[in-house]
């Protein structure tokens, strides 16, 4: 299987400093959810929700979203073009480092080695792109979207490093929520969102992308996710689950309370007006 350098969602990368345990912003899970939702709004996702059911029992994605594309309606009824889901994303949110690995004691020993190996692999890939240009996918038009078949390299050291990475990832992630979500191919792209600098990209399992959340809730993609290219059936499944997950907040916002025998109406929650702070630090209604 080839290893893709970039996915087709156009998010820019930044230089990634080393992860640190110092000066990490203290964020609530709710804050991380809000930051991710704002990031998806900026990316013009037409639909999203939190706590989205998946095909794995007991698992709900922290945040999920989708994008559409218009396709020609080949039928004789309806509009000439139909909106069809063509890109889906799941974002898992963690506020503490120890929440990212089930056995944090073991991970603290293995993660430095994993990062070292992935840095070595990245350097080897750069060398392969120079010494073995025939491994580039010739069908790719633009260099920045090139796909390279690194697994075909003649450099045995690359295969050794790649095998060592897989062994450590198996020890860290086998049987975990992250592995099950990836293997189920429920979304095209998968991201982990954490407070900035809390996790380094090389500490993730292959295929996952990383989003850092700053104190002001700015979201920055520091590592792109690989594209799993989900099937249309998986797209539709996740989109319907997103719609179902969004139903509860909608009913609550309108004061509609579901019961086993129907519904009853409650007062609508009061909507708080956003407040701004003037130059003297006084809060005022927007």
C-alpha atoms as a PDB file:
ATOM      1  CA  UNK A   1       0.000   0.000   0.000  1.00  0.00           C
ATOM      2  CA  UNK A   2       1.366   3.412  -0.962  1.00  0.00           C
ATOM      3  CA  UNK A   3       1.924   6.158   1.589  1.00  0.00           C
ATOM      4  CA  UNK A   4       0.291   9.441   0.629  1.00  0.00           C
ATOM      5  CA  UNK A   5       2.046  12.647   1.571  1.00  0.00           C
ATOM      6  CA  UNK A   6      -0.965  14.958   1.428  1.00  0.00           C
ATOM      7  CA  UNK A   7      -4.710  14.564   1.498  1.00  0.00           C
ATOM      8  CA  UNK A   8      -7.126  16.535  -0.606  1.00  0.00           C
ATOM      9  CA  UNK A   9      -8.447  18.795   2.156  1.00  0.00           C
ATOM     10  CA  UNK A  10      -6.421  21.949   1.716  1.00  0.00           C
ATOM     11  CA  UNK A  11      -5.168  22.675   5.224  1.00  0.00           C
ATOM     12  CA  UNK A  12      -1.711  24.176   5.547  1.00  0.00           C
ATOM     13  CA  UNK A  13       0.996  22.777   7.820  1.00  0.00           C
ATOM     14  CA  UNK A  14       3.275  24.626  10.214  1.00  0.00           C
ATOM     15  CA  UNK A  15       6.726  23.963  11.622  1.00  0.00           C
ATOM     16  CA  UNK A  16       6.290  21.627  14.568  1.00  0.00           C
ATOM     17  CA  UNK A  17       8.313  22.260  17.752  1.00  0.00           C
ATOM     18  CA  UNK A  18       8.990  19.462  20.177  1.00  0.00           C
ATOM     19  CA  UNK A  19       6.190  18.352  22.474  1.00  0.00           C
ATOM     20  CA  UNK A  20       6.557  19.558  26.029  1.00  0.00           C
ATOM     21  CA  UNK A  21       4.847  19.178  29.368  1.00  0.00           C
ATOM     22  CA  UNK A  22       5.452  22.844  30.243  1.00  0.00           C
ATOM     23  CA  UNK A  23       3.093  25.759  29.606  1.00  0.00           C
ATOM     24  CA  UNK A  24       0.421  23.563  28.033  1.00  0.00           C
ATOM     25  CA  UNK A  25      -2.872  25.495  28.011  1.00  0.00           C
ATOM     26  CA  UNK A  26      -5.516  24.192  30.408  1.00  0.00           C
ATOM     27  CA  UNK A  27      -8.574  23.470  28.298  1.00  0.00           C
ATOM     28  CA  UNK A  28     -11.832  21.725  29.015  1.00  0.00           C
ATOM     29  CA  UNK A  29     -13.072  18.990  26.696  1.00  0.00           C
ATOM     30  CA  UNK A  30     -15.924  21.322  25.792  1.00  0.00           C
ATOM     31  CA  UNK A  31     -13.406  23.983  24.763  1.00  0.00           C
ATOM     32  CA  UNK A  32     -11.615  21.553  22.448  1.00  0.00           C
ATOM     33  CA  UNK A  33     -14.952  20.545  20.910  1.00  0.00           C
ATOM     34  CA  UNK A  34     -15.780  24.210  20.284  1.00  0.00           C
ATOM     35  CA  UNK A  35     -12.393  24.861  18.704  1.00  0.00           C
ATOM     36  CA  UNK A  36     -12.754  21.871  16.388  1.00  0.00           C
ATOM     37  CA  UNK A  37     -16.293  22.907  15.388  1.00  0.00           C
ATOM     38  CA  UNK A  38     -15.053  26.417  14.566  1.00  0.00           C
ATOM     39  CA  UNK A  39     -12.203  24.915  12.512  1.00  0.00           C
ATOM     40  CA  UNK A  40     -14.702  22.810  10.555  1.00  0.00           C
ATOM     41  CA  UNK A  41     -16.935  25.840   9.987  1.00  0.00           C
ATOM     42  CA  UNK A  42     -13.910  27.666   8.563  1.00  0.00           C
ATOM     43  CA  UNK A  43     -13.298  24.635   6.324  1.00  0.00           C
ATOM     44  CA  UNK A  44     -16.899  25.092   5.094  1.00  0.00           C
ATOM     45  CA  UNK A  45     -18.211  21.725   6.267  1.00  0.00           C
ATOM     46  CA  UNK A  46     -21.989  21.872   5.629  1.00  0.00           C
ATOM     47  CA  UNK A  47     -22.838  19.409   8.398  1.00  0.00           C
ATOM     48  CA  UNK A  48     -21.280  18.359  11.693  1.00  0.00           C
ATOM     49  CA  UNK A  49     -22.127  17.130  15.179  1.00  0.00           C
ATOM     50  CA  UNK A  50     -20.548  15.959  18.432  1.00  0.00           C
ATOM     51  CA  UNK A  51     -20.927  12.520  20.013  1.00  0.00           C
ATOM     52  CA  UNK A  52     -21.735  10.869  16.689  1.00  0.00           C
ATOM     53  CA  UNK A  53     -22.591   7.125  16.796  1.00  0.00           C
ATOM     54  CA  UNK A  54     -20.322   4.891  14.740  1.00  0.00           C
ATOM     55  CA  UNK A  55     -20.501   1.350  13.438  1.00  0.00           C
ATOM     56  CA  UNK A  56     -18.513   0.170  16.466  1.00  0.00           C
ATOM     57  CA  UNK A  57     -20.685  -0.602  19.516  1.00  0.00           C
ATOM     58  CA  UNK A  58     -20.132   1.774  22.454  1.00  0.00           C
ATOM     59  CA  UNK A  59     -18.070   4.194  20.353  1.00  0.00           C
ATOM     60  CA  UNK A  60     -19.230   7.702  19.594  1.00  0.00           C
ATOM     61  CA  UNK A  61     -16.962  10.002  17.635  1.00  0.00           C
ATOM     62  CA  UNK A  62     -16.191  13.177  19.590  1.00  0.00           C
ATOM     63  CA  UNK A  63     -16.725  15.315  16.474  1.00  0.00           C
ATOM     64  CA  UNK A  64     -17.655  14.292  12.924  1.00  0.00           C
ATOM     65  CA  UNK A  65     -18.327  16.298   9.770  1.00  0.00           C
ATOM     66  CA  UNK A  66     -18.767  15.908   6.034  1.00  0.00           C
ATOM     67  CA  UNK A  67     -18.423  17.747   2.740  1.00  0.00           C
ATOM     68  CA  UNK A  68     -20.526  17.372  -0.411  1.00  0.00           C
ATOM     69  CA  UNK A  69     -19.961  17.614  -4.124  1.00  0.00           C
ATOM     70  CA  UNK A  70     -22.601  17.998  -6.843  1.00  0.00           C
ATOM     71  CA  UNK A  71     -22.977  15.099  -9.268  1.00  0.00           C
ATOM     72  CA  UNK A  72     -25.154  14.785 -12.316  1.00  0.00           C
ATOM     73  CA  UNK A  73     -28.605  13.357 -11.721  1.00  0.00           C
ATOM     74  CA  UNK A  74     -28.959  10.563 -14.268  1.00  0.00           C
ATOM     75  CA  UNK A  75     -32.622  10.091 -13.454  1.00  0.00           C
ATOM     76  CA  UNK A  76     -35.576  11.838 -15.026  1.00  0.00           C
ATOM     77  CA  UNK A  77     -37.004  13.267 -11.810  1.00  0.00           C
ATOM     78  CA  UNK A  78     -35.543  15.931  -9.552  1.00  0.00           C
ATOM     79  CA  UNK A  79     -32.788  18.533  -9.963  1.00  0.00           C
ATOM     80  CA  UNK A  80     -30.100  18.184 -12.609  1.00  0.00           C
ATOM     81  CA  UNK A  81     -27.396  17.928  -9.926  1.00  0.00           C
ATOM     82  CA  UNK A  82     -27.483  16.118  -6.590  1.00  0.00           C
ATOM     83  CA  UNK A  83     -25.357  16.834  -3.548  1.00  0.00           C
ATOM     84  CA  UNK A  84     -23.426  13.700  -2.605  1.00  0.00           C
ATOM     85  CA  UNK A  85     -21.134  13.229   0.425  1.00  0.00           C
ATOM     86  CA  UNK A  86     -17.557  12.864  -0.823  1.00  0.00           C
ATOM     87  CA  UNK A  87     -15.401  13.630   2.233  1.00  0.00           C
ATOM     88  CA  UNK A  88     -15.885  12.739   5.890  1.00  0.00           C
ATOM     89  CA  UNK A  89     -13.795  13.415   8.979  1.00  0.00           C
ATOM     90  CA  UNK A  90     -13.738  12.200  12.567  1.00  0.00           C
ATOM     91  CA  UNK A  91     -11.884  14.165  15.250  1.00  0.00           C
ATOM     92  CA  UNK A  92     -11.078  12.637  18.615  1.00  0.00           C
ATOM     93  CA  UNK A  93     -10.520  15.193  21.393  1.00  0.00           C
ATOM     94  CA  UNK A  94      -8.244  14.729  24.412  1.00  0.00           C
ATOM     95  CA  UNK A  95      -7.404  17.295  27.107  1.00  0.00           C
ATOM     96  CA  UNK A  96      -4.677  15.355  28.941  1.00  0.00           C
ATOM     97  CA  UNK A  97      -1.704  13.465  27.558  1.00  0.00           C
ATOM     98  CA  UNK A  98      -2.399  10.296  29.531  1.00  0.00           C
ATOM     99  CA  UNK A  99      -5.827  10.017  27.854  1.00  0.00           C
ATOM    100  CA  UNK A 100      -4.153   9.339  24.496  1.00  0.00           C
ATOM    101  CA  UNK A 101      -2.704   5.949  25.460  1.00  0.00           C
ATOM    102  CA  UNK A 102      -4.415   3.235  27.556  1.00  0.00           C
ATOM    103  CA  UNK A 103      -1.167   2.159  29.223  1.00  0.00           C
ATOM    104  CA  UNK A 104       0.535   5.485  29.858  1.00  0.00           C
ATOM    105  CA  UNK A 105       3.413   3.941  31.821  1.00  0.00           C
ATOM    106  CA  UNK A 106       4.389   1.716  28.899  1.00  0.00           C
ATOM    107  CA  UNK A 107       3.830   4.497  26.384  1.00  0.00           C
ATOM    108  CA  UNK A 108       6.242   6.819  28.176  1.00  0.00           C
ATOM    109  CA  UNK A 109       9.005   4.315  27.411  1.00  0.00           C
ATOM    110  CA  UNK A 110       7.973   3.549  23.827  1.00  0.00           C
ATOM    111  CA  UNK A 111       6.998   6.992  22.527  1.00  0.00           C
ATOM    112  CA  UNK A 112      10.539   8.459  22.408  1.00  0.00           C
ATOM    113  CA  UNK A 113      11.663   5.463  20.338  1.00  0.00           C
ATOM    114  CA  UNK A 114       8.649   5.788  18.042  1.00  0.00           C
ATOM    115  CA  UNK A 115       9.380   9.443  17.429  1.00  0.00           C
ATOM    116  CA  UNK A 116      13.036   8.678  16.690  1.00  0.00           C
ATOM    117  CA  UNK A 117      12.095   5.991  14.173  1.00  0.00           C
ATOM    118  CA  UNK A 118       9.554   8.205  12.412  1.00  0.00           C
ATOM    119  CA  UNK A 119      12.066  11.023  12.107  1.00  0.00           C
ATOM    120  CA  UNK A 120      14.501   8.520  10.588  1.00  0.00           C
ATOM    121  CA  UNK A 121      11.837   7.278   8.191  1.00  0.00           C
ATOM    122  CA  UNK A 122      11.057  10.823   7.090  1.00  0.00           C
ATOM    123  CA  UNK A 123      14.736  11.441   6.316  1.00  0.00           C
ATOM    124  CA  UNK A 124      14.911   8.174   4.376  1.00  0.00           C
ATOM    125  CA  UNK A 125      11.833   9.140   2.378  1.00  0.00           C
ATOM    126  CA  UNK A 126      13.471  12.442   1.445  1.00  0.00           C
ATOM    127  CA  UNK A 127      16.528  10.528   0.247  1.00  0.00           C
ATOM    128  CA  UNK A 128      14.366   8.094  -1.747  1.00  0.00           C
ATOM    129  CA  UNK A 129      12.651  10.968  -3.534  1.00  0.00           C
ATOM    130  CA  UNK A 130      16.075  12.047  -4.783  1.00  0.00           C
ATOM    131  CA  UNK A 131      17.730   8.687  -5.503  1.00  0.00           C
ATOM    132  CA  UNK A 132      14.696   6.713  -6.703  1.00  0.00           C
ATOM    133  CA  UNK A 133      12.488   9.167  -8.638  1.00  0.00           C
ATOM    134  CA  UNK A 134      10.865   6.244 -10.486  1.00  0.00           C
ATOM    135  CA  UNK A 135       8.876   5.491  -7.294  1.00  0.00           C
ATOM    136  CA  UNK A 136       6.806   8.627  -7.801  1.00  0.00           C
ATOM    137  CA  UNK A 137       3.250   8.100  -9.037  1.00  0.00           C
ATOM    138  CA  UNK A 138       3.484   9.279 -12.648  1.00  0.00           C
ATOM    139  CA  UNK A 139      -0.242   9.994 -12.906  1.00  0.00           C
ATOM    140  CA  UNK A 140       0.089  12.889 -10.451  1.00  0.00           C
ATOM    141  CA  UNK A 141       0.035  16.270 -12.194  1.00  0.00           C
ATOM    142  CA  UNK A 142       1.362  18.533  -9.441  1.00  0.00           C
ATOM    143  CA  UNK A 143       4.482  17.889  -7.360  1.00  0.00           C
ATOM    144  CA  UNK A 144       2.871  19.042  -4.100  1.00  0.00           C
ATOM    145  CA  UNK A 145       0.239  16.320  -4.443  1.00  0.00           C
ATOM    146  CA  UNK A 146       2.660  13.590  -5.455  1.00  0.00           C
ATOM    147  CA  UNK A 147       2.240  10.094  -4.130  1.00  0.00           C
ATOM    148  CA  UNK A 148       5.336   7.975  -3.598  1.00  0.00           C
ATOM    149  CA  UNK A 149       5.531   4.190  -3.448  1.00  0.00           C
ATOM    150  CA  UNK A 150       8.151   4.024  -0.726  1.00  0.00           C
ATOM    151  CA  UNK A 151       7.417   0.365  -0.066  1.00  0.00           C
ATOM    152  CA  UNK A 152       9.041  -0.474  -3.419  1.00  0.00           C
ATOM    153  CA  UNK A 153      12.403   0.980  -2.461  1.00  0.00           C
ATOM    154  CA  UNK A 154      15.538  -1.140  -2.698  1.00  0.00           C
ATOM    155  CA  UNK A 155      16.892   0.353   0.518  1.00  0.00           C
ATOM    156  CA  UNK A 156      16.640  -2.405   3.121  1.00  0.00           C
ATOM    157  CA  UNK A 157      17.178   0.068   5.962  1.00  0.00           C
ATOM    158  CA  UNK A 158      13.887   1.753   5.068  1.00  0.00           C
ATOM    159  CA  UNK A 159      11.982  -1.538   5.322  1.00  0.00           C
ATOM    160  CA  UNK A 160      13.698  -2.310   8.651  1.00  0.00           C
ATOM    161  CA  UNK A 161      12.735   1.075  10.110  1.00  0.00           C
ATOM    162  CA  UNK A 162       9.160   0.751   8.820  1.00  0.00           C
ATOM    163  CA  UNK A 163       8.857  -2.709  10.421  1.00  0.00           C
ATOM    164  CA  UNK A 164      10.144  -1.390  13.762  1.00  0.00           C
ATOM    165  CA  UNK A 165       7.565   1.420  13.650  1.00  0.00           C
ATOM    166  CA  UNK A 166       4.774  -1.103  13.115  1.00  0.00           C
ATOM    167  CA  UNK A 167       5.950  -3.187  16.079  1.00  0.00           C
ATOM    168  CA  UNK A 168       5.919  -0.208  18.439  1.00  0.00           C
ATOM    169  CA  UNK A 169       2.556   1.033  17.139  1.00  0.00           C
ATOM    170  CA  UNK A 170       1.119  -2.438  17.707  1.00  0.00           C
ATOM    171  CA  UNK A 171       2.360  -2.379  21.301  1.00  0.00           C
ATOM    172  CA  UNK A 172       0.897   1.101  21.842  1.00  0.00           C
ATOM    173  CA  UNK A 173      -2.378   0.990  19.941  1.00  0.00           C
ATOM    174  CA  UNK A 174      -3.478  -2.619  19.408  1.00  0.00           C
ATOM    175  CA  UNK A 175      -7.069  -3.008  20.559  1.00  0.00           C
ATOM    176  CA  UNK A 176      -7.457   0.687  21.382  1.00  0.00           C
ATOM    177  CA  UNK A 177     -10.230   3.016  20.305  1.00  0.00           C
ATOM    178  CA  UNK A 178      -7.861   4.717  17.835  1.00  0.00           C
ATOM    179  CA  UNK A 179      -7.010   1.436  16.084  1.00  0.00           C
ATOM    180  CA  UNK A 180     -10.627   0.283  15.917  1.00  0.00           C
ATOM    181  CA  UNK A 181     -11.831   3.575  14.450  1.00  0.00           C
ATOM    182  CA  UNK A 182      -9.100   3.524  11.812  1.00  0.00           C
ATOM    183  CA  UNK A 183      -9.639  -0.119  10.866  1.00  0.00           C
ATOM    184  CA  UNK A 184     -13.399   0.363  10.573  1.00  0.00           C
ATOM    185  CA  UNK A 185     -12.783   3.005   7.857  1.00  0.00           C
ATOM    186  CA  UNK A 186     -15.715   5.042   9.142  1.00  0.00           C
ATOM    187  CA  UNK A 187     -14.287   8.342   7.866  1.00  0.00           C
ATOM    188  CA  UNK A 188     -11.920   9.416   5.106  1.00  0.00           C
ATOM    189  CA  UNK A 189      -9.647  11.320   7.463  1.00  0.00           C
ATOM    190  CA  UNK A 190      -9.007  10.975  11.207  1.00  0.00           C
ATOM    191  CA  UNK A 191      -7.597  13.624  13.529  1.00  0.00           C
ATOM    192  CA  UNK A 192      -6.619  13.881  17.182  1.00  0.00           C
ATOM    193  CA  UNK A 193      -7.190  17.331  18.723  1.00  0.00           C
ATOM    194  CA  UNK A 194      -5.239  18.244  21.873  1.00  0.00           C
ATOM    195  CA  UNK A 195      -3.979  21.370  23.656  1.00  0.00           C
ATOM    196  CA  UNK A 196      -1.023  22.744  21.713  1.00  0.00           C
ATOM    197  CA  UNK A 197       2.374  21.048  22.204  1.00  0.00           C
ATOM    198  CA  UNK A 198       0.847  18.261  24.307  1.00  0.00           C
ATOM    199  CA  UNK A 199       1.392  15.540  21.671  1.00  0.00           C
ATOM    200  CA  UNK A 200       3.919  15.419  18.826  1.00  0.00           C
ATOM    201  CA  UNK A 201       2.852  14.157  15.367  1.00  0.00           C
ATOM    202  CA  UNK A 202       5.419  11.351  15.450  1.00  0.00           C
ATOM    203  CA  UNK A 203       3.741   9.935  18.550  1.00  0.00           C
ATOM    204  CA  UNK A 204       0.528   9.136  16.671  1.00  0.00           C
ATOM    205  CA  UNK A 205      -0.314   5.916  14.911  1.00  0.00           C
ATOM    206  CA  UNK A 206       0.264   6.066  11.162  1.00  0.00           C
ATOM    207  CA  UNK A 207      -2.650   7.591   9.294  1.00  0.00           C
ATOM    208  CA  UNK A 208      -3.851   9.931  12.046  1.00  0.00           C
ATOM    209  CA  UNK A 209      -3.484  13.696  11.765  1.00  0.00           C
ATOM    210  CA  UNK A 210      -2.916  16.088  14.652  1.00  0.00           C
ATOM    211  CA  UNK A 211      -4.593  19.389  15.569  1.00  0.00           C
ATOM    212  CA  UNK A 212      -3.228  21.677  18.258  1.00  0.00           C
ATOM    213  CA  UNK A 213      -5.705  23.875  20.158  1.00  0.00           C
ATOM    214  CA  UNK A 214      -4.363  27.145  21.590  1.00  0.00           C
ATOM    215  CA  UNK A 215      -5.605  28.953  24.686  1.00  0.00           C
ATOM    216  CA  UNK A 216      -7.695  31.278  22.498  1.00  0.00           C
ATOM    217  CA  UNK A 217      -9.258  28.168  20.854  1.00  0.00           C
ATOM    218  CA  UNK A 218      -7.362  28.644  17.593  1.00  0.00           C
ATOM    219  CA  UNK A 219      -6.974  25.270  15.849  1.00  0.00           C
ATOM    220  CA  UNK A 220      -3.794  24.536  13.902  1.00  0.00           C
ATOM    221  CA  UNK A 221      -3.168  21.414  11.829  1.00  0.00           C
ATOM    222  CA  UNK A 222       0.393  20.320  12.603  1.00  0.00           C
ATOM    223  CA  UNK A 223       0.192  16.938  10.874  1.00  0.00           C
ATOM    224  CA  UNK A 224      -2.019  15.959   7.947  1.00  0.00           C
ATOM    225  CA  UNK A 225      -4.133  12.817   8.136  1.00  0.00           C
ATOM    226  CA  UNK A 226      -3.859  10.141   5.466  1.00  0.00           C
ATOM    227  CA  UNK A 227      -6.915   9.760   3.262  1.00  0.00           C
ATOM    228  CA  UNK A 228      -8.661   6.401   3.631  1.00  0.00           C
ATOM    229  CA  UNK A 229     -10.956   7.091   0.632  1.00  0.00           C
ATOM    230  CA  UNK A 230     -14.090   5.652   2.229  1.00  0.00           C
ATOM    231  CA  UNK A 231     -16.824   4.034   0.220  1.00  0.00           C
ATOM    232  CA  UNK A 232     -20.064   5.858  -0.684  1.00  0.00           C
ATOM    233  CA  UNK A 233     -21.892   3.511   1.701  1.00  0.00           C
ATOM    234  CA  UNK A 234     -19.642   4.543   4.593  1.00  0.00           C
ATOM    235  CA  UNK A 235     -20.109   8.201   3.660  1.00  0.00           C
ATOM    236  CA  UNK A 236     -23.886   7.908   3.784  1.00  0.00           C
ATOM    237  CA  UNK A 237     -23.775   5.924   7.040  1.00  0.00           C
ATOM    238  CA  UNK A 238     -21.726   8.564   8.838  1.00  0.00           C
ATOM    239  CA  UNK A 239     -23.719  11.472   7.380  1.00  0.00           C
ATOM    240  CA  UNK A 240     -26.974   9.949   8.646  1.00  0.00           C
ATOM    241  CA  UNK A 241     -25.430   9.421  12.075  1.00  0.00           C
ATOM    242  CA  UNK A 242     -24.293  13.057  12.096  1.00  0.00           C
ATOM    243  CA  UNK A 243     -27.871  14.128  11.383  1.00  0.00           C
ATOM    244  CA  UNK A 244     -29.178  11.870  14.155  1.00  0.00           C
ATOM    245  CA  UNK A 245     -26.611  13.202  16.648  1.00  0.00           C
ATOM    246  CA  UNK A 246     -27.573  16.791  15.818  1.00  0.00           C
ATOM    247  CA  UNK A 247     -31.255  16.096  16.554  1.00  0.00           C
ATOM    248  CA  UNK A 248     -30.941  16.182  20.343  1.00  0.00           C
ATOM    249  CA  UNK A 249     -29.358  19.665  20.553  1.00  0.00           C
ATOM    250  CA  UNK A 250     -31.894  20.955  18.008  1.00  0.00           C
ATOM    251  CA  UNK A 251     -34.886  19.765  20.058  1.00  0.00           C
ATOM    252  CA  UNK A 252     -33.362  21.118  23.257  1.00  0.00           C
ATOM    253  CA  UNK A 253     -32.783  24.532  21.694  1.00  0.00           C
ATOM    254  CA  UNK A 254     -36.462  24.648  20.685  1.00  0.00           C
ATOM    255  CA  UNK A 255     -37.833  23.424  24.009  1.00  0.00           C
ATOM    256  CA  UNK A 256     -39.074  20.088  22.667  1.00  0.00           C
ATOM    257  CA  UNK A 257     -38.672  17.243  25.184  1.00  0.00           C
ATOM    258  CA  UNK A 258     -38.935  13.688  23.891  1.00  0.00           C
ATOM    259  CA  UNK A 259     -40.829  11.057  25.906  1.00  0.00           C
ATOM    260  CA  UNK A 260     -41.659   7.425  25.287  1.00  0.00           C
ATOM    261  CA  UNK A 261     -45.275   8.287  24.470  1.00  0.00           C
ATOM    262  CA  UNK A 262     -44.530  11.413  22.456  1.00  0.00           C
ATOM    263  CA  UNK A 263     -43.258  14.901  23.255  1.00  0.00           C
ATOM    264  CA  UNK A 264     -43.979  17.778  25.574  1.00  0.00           C
ATOM    265  CA  UNK A 265     -43.014  21.412  25.327  1.00  0.00           C
ATOM    266  CA  UNK A 266     -40.760  23.229  27.763  1.00  0.00           C
ATOM    267  CA  UNK A 267     -39.663  26.860  27.814  1.00  0.00           C
ATOM    268  CA  UNK A 268     -36.926  27.468  25.260  1.00  0.00           C
ATOM    269  CA  UNK A 269     -33.498  27.973  26.855  1.00  0.00           C
ATOM    270  CA  UNK A 270     -32.589  31.624  27.126  1.00  0.00           C
ATOM    271  CA  UNK A 271     -30.071  32.616  24.512  1.00  0.00           C
ATOM    272  CA  UNK A 272     -27.151  34.499  25.977  1.00  0.00           C
ATOM    273  CA  UNK A 273     -25.982  37.536  24.113  1.00  0.00           C
ATOM    274  CA  UNK A 274     -22.265  37.538  23.295  1.00  0.00           C
ATOM    275  CA  UNK A 275     -20.303  40.076  25.275  1.00  0.00           C
ATOM    276  CA  UNK A 276     -17.409  42.211  24.151  1.00  0.00           C
ATOM    277  CA  UNK A 277     -14.754  43.948  26.243  1.00  0.00           C
ATOM    278  CA  UNK A 278     -13.986  47.619  25.576  1.00  0.00           C
ATOM    279  CA  UNK A 279     -10.600  49.320  25.908  1.00  0.00           C
ATOM    280  CA  UNK A 280     -11.181  49.841  29.659  1.00  0.00           C
ATOM    281  CA  UNK A 281     -11.878  46.161  30.222  1.00  0.00           C
ATOM    282  CA  UNK A 282     -15.613  46.676  30.763  1.00  0.00           C
ATOM    283  CA  UNK A 283     -17.878  43.916  29.452  1.00  0.00           C
ATOM    284  CA  UNK A 284     -20.710  45.094  27.233  1.00  0.00           C
ATOM    285  CA  UNK A 285     -23.514  43.379  25.334  1.00  0.00           C
ATOM    286  CA  UNK A 286     -22.645  42.897  21.651  1.00  0.00           C
END
